[in-house]
Amino acid sequence: MSLPKDLLYSEEHEWIKKEDGKVRIGITDFAQDELGDIVFVELPEVGDTLEADEPFGSVESVKTVSELYAPLSGKVVEVNEELEDSPELVNESPYEKAWMVVVEPSDEAEFDDLLSADAYRDVINEDD
């Protein structure tokens, strides 16, 4: 299982990559593996506001539908529209091609609630 060290993680299994004052968000390799084959991804619109720890979309697999939880509050400035036609990218490339949204964070203090790769590994190992 891949856990890039340059990313931050949430306990709800989202990854966060800081990029020039914005953050790119997706779901972790662990999450996509637990869900199984992804068949549909529902994401917010550009301009929508996310609230930390609140649902912002969902991922549907052959097994279940799982809500996506915002790791940070902020405004959606970009959405990965490729996932609409190719939801399987979440399984194939969770960190590169299957990012979900880019957000302008509104509260820098929320970064303190995110996890390093090692801390996230501890969280998922507790789940086993």
Protein backbone atom coordinates (compact mmCIF):
# COMPACT_ATOMS: atom_id res chain seq x y z
CA MET A 1 0.00 0.00 0.00
CA SER A 2 1.30 3.41 -0.97
CA LEU A 3 1.47 6.31 1.51
CA PRO A 4 3.49 9.17 0.02
CA LYS A 5 5.43 11.00 2.73
CA ASP A 6 4.93 14.43 1.13
CA LEU A 7 1.16 14.33 1.72
CA LEU A 8 -1.00 14.95 4.76
CA TYR A 9 -3.88 12.64 5.68
CA SER A 10 -7.21 12.72 7.49
CA GLU A 11 -8.62 10.04 9.75
CA GLU A 12 -11.48 9.78 7.20
CA HIS A 13 -8.95 8.49 4.61
CA GLU A 14 -8.46 11.58 2.47
CA TRP A 15 -5.03 12.80 1.37
CA ILE A 16 -4.07 16.45 1.17
CA LYS A 17 -1.30 17.99 -0.93
CA LYS A 18 -0.32 21.62 -0.37
CA GLU A 19 0.20 23.54 -3.66
CA ASP A 20 0.83 27.30 -3.77
CA GLY A 21 -1.71 28.34 -1.15
CA LYS A 22 -4.23 25.72 -2.27
CA VAL A 23 -4.70 22.06 -1.43
CA ARG A 24 -5.42 19.10 -3.71
CA ILE A 25 -7.58 16.41 -2.08
CA GLY A 26 -8.27 12.76 -2.92
CA ILE A 27 -8.82 9.44 -1.17
CA THR A 28 -6.00 7.22 -0.01
CA ASP A 29 -4.77 3.98 -1.50
CA PHE A 30 -6.06 2.27 1.66
CA ALA A 31 -9.57 3.74 1.15
CA GLN A 32 -9.86 2.75 -2.51
CA ASP A 33 -8.63 -0.76 -1.67
CA GLU A 34 -11.23 -1.13 1.09
CA LEU A 35 -14.01 0.13 -1.20
CA GLY A 36 -13.20 -2.16 -4.13
CA ASP A 37 -13.97 -1.30 -7.75
CA ILE A 38 -15.14 2.32 -7.97
CA VAL A 39 -18.05 2.80 -10.38
CA PHE A 40 -19.17 6.39 -9.67
CA VAL A 41 -17.76 9.53 -8.07
CA GLU A 42 -19.93 12.49 -7.01
CA LEU A 43 -18.06 15.74 -6.40
CA PRO A 44 -19.00 19.33 -5.54
CA GLU A 45 -19.08 22.21 -8.05
CA VAL A 46 -16.40 24.85 -8.49
CA GLY A 47 -17.32 27.70 -6.15
CA ASP A 48 -18.86 25.45 -3.49
CA THR A 49 -17.67 25.88 0.08
CA LEU A 50 -16.43 22.89 2.06
CA GLU A 51 -16.66 22.65 5.84
CA ALA A 52 -14.04 20.57 7.66
CA ASP A 53 -15.32 17.12 8.68
CA GLU A 54 -18.53 17.54 6.62
CA PRO A 55 -19.43 15.43 3.55
CA PHE A 56 -18.52 17.00 0.21
CA GLY A 57 -19.27 14.14 -2.17
CA SER A 58 -19.37 10.38 -2.42
CA VAL A 59 -17.67 7.40 -4.00
CA GLU A 60 -19.73 4.44 -5.13
CA SER A 61 -18.16 1.02 -5.50
CA VAL A 62 -19.55 -2.37 -6.34
CA LYS A 63 -19.66 -2.99 -2.57
CA THR A 64 -20.99 0.25 -1.07
CA VAL A 65 -21.44 4.02 -1.25
CA SER A 66 -19.05 5.98 0.94
CA GLU A 67 -19.19 9.68 1.73
CA LEU A 68 -16.14 11.88 1.24
CA TYR A 69 -15.37 14.12 4.20
CA ALA A 70 -13.64 17.48 3.80
CA PRO A 71 -10.32 17.46 5.66
CA LEU A 72 -10.29 21.28 5.58
CA SER A 73 -12.73 24.16 5.17
CA GLY A 74 -12.45 26.27 2.05
CA LYS A 75 -13.68 27.14 -1.43
CA VAL A 76 -13.56 24.62 -4.29
CA VAL A 77 -11.52 26.14 -7.14
CA GLU A 78 -11.09 23.04 -9.31
CA VAL A 79 -12.84 19.69 -9.72
CA ASN A 80 -11.39 16.59 -11.43
CA GLU A 81 -14.02 16.18 -14.14
CA GLU A 82 -12.14 13.19 -15.59
CA LEU A 83 -13.52 11.09 -12.71
CA GLU A 84 -17.06 11.55 -14.06
CA ASP A 85 -16.23 9.44 -17.13
CA SER A 86 -13.42 7.37 -15.59
CA PRO A 87 -14.19 6.62 -11.91
CA GLU A 88 -11.86 3.60 -12.09
CA LEU A 89 -8.93 6.04 -11.93
CA VAL A 90 -9.54 6.14 -8.16
CA ASN A 91 -8.48 2.47 -8.03
CA GLU A 92 -5.71 2.77 -10.61
CA SER A 93 -4.04 6.02 -9.51
CA PRO A 94 -5.41 7.38 -6.20
CA TYR A 95 -2.59 9.92 -5.72
CA GLU A 96 -1.86 11.11 -9.25
CA LYS A 97 -4.77 10.95 -11.69
CA ALA A 98 -7.66 10.55 -9.22
CA TRP A 99 -7.35 13.74 -7.17
CA MET A 100 -10.87 14.99 -6.54
CA VAL A 101 -10.88 18.70 -5.76
CA VAL A 102 -8.56 21.66 -5.33
CA VAL A 103 -9.55 23.95 -2.45
CA GLU A 104 -8.45 27.37 -1.21
CA PRO A 105 -8.30 26.68 2.54
CA SER A 106 -10.04 29.25 4.75
CA ASP A 107 -8.54 28.28 8.12
CA GLU A 108 -4.82 27.53 8.34
CA ALA A 109 -5.27 26.19 11.89
CA GLU A 110 -7.11 23.16 10.46
CA PHE A 111 -3.79 21.86 9.08
CA ASP A 112 -2.90 21.04 12.71
CA ASP A 113 -5.61 18.34 12.71
CA LEU A 114 -4.12 16.47 9.76
CA LEU A 115 -1.82 13.47 10.00
CA SER A 116 1.63 12.67 8.67
CA ALA A 117 2.04 9.48 6.63
CA ASP A 118 3.38 7.67 9.71
CA ALA A 119 0.51 8.83 11.94
CA TYR A 120 -2.02 7.83 9.26
CA ARG A 121 -0.37 4.40 8.96
CA ASP A 122 -0.93 3.98 12.72
CA VAL A 123 -4.64 4.84 12.26
CA ILE A 124 -5.19 2.28 9.50
CA ASN A 125 -3.20 -0.38 11.33
CA GLU A 126 -5.56 0.06 14.32
CA ASP A 127 -8.47 -0.67 11.94
CA ASP A 128 -7.06 -4.10 11.02
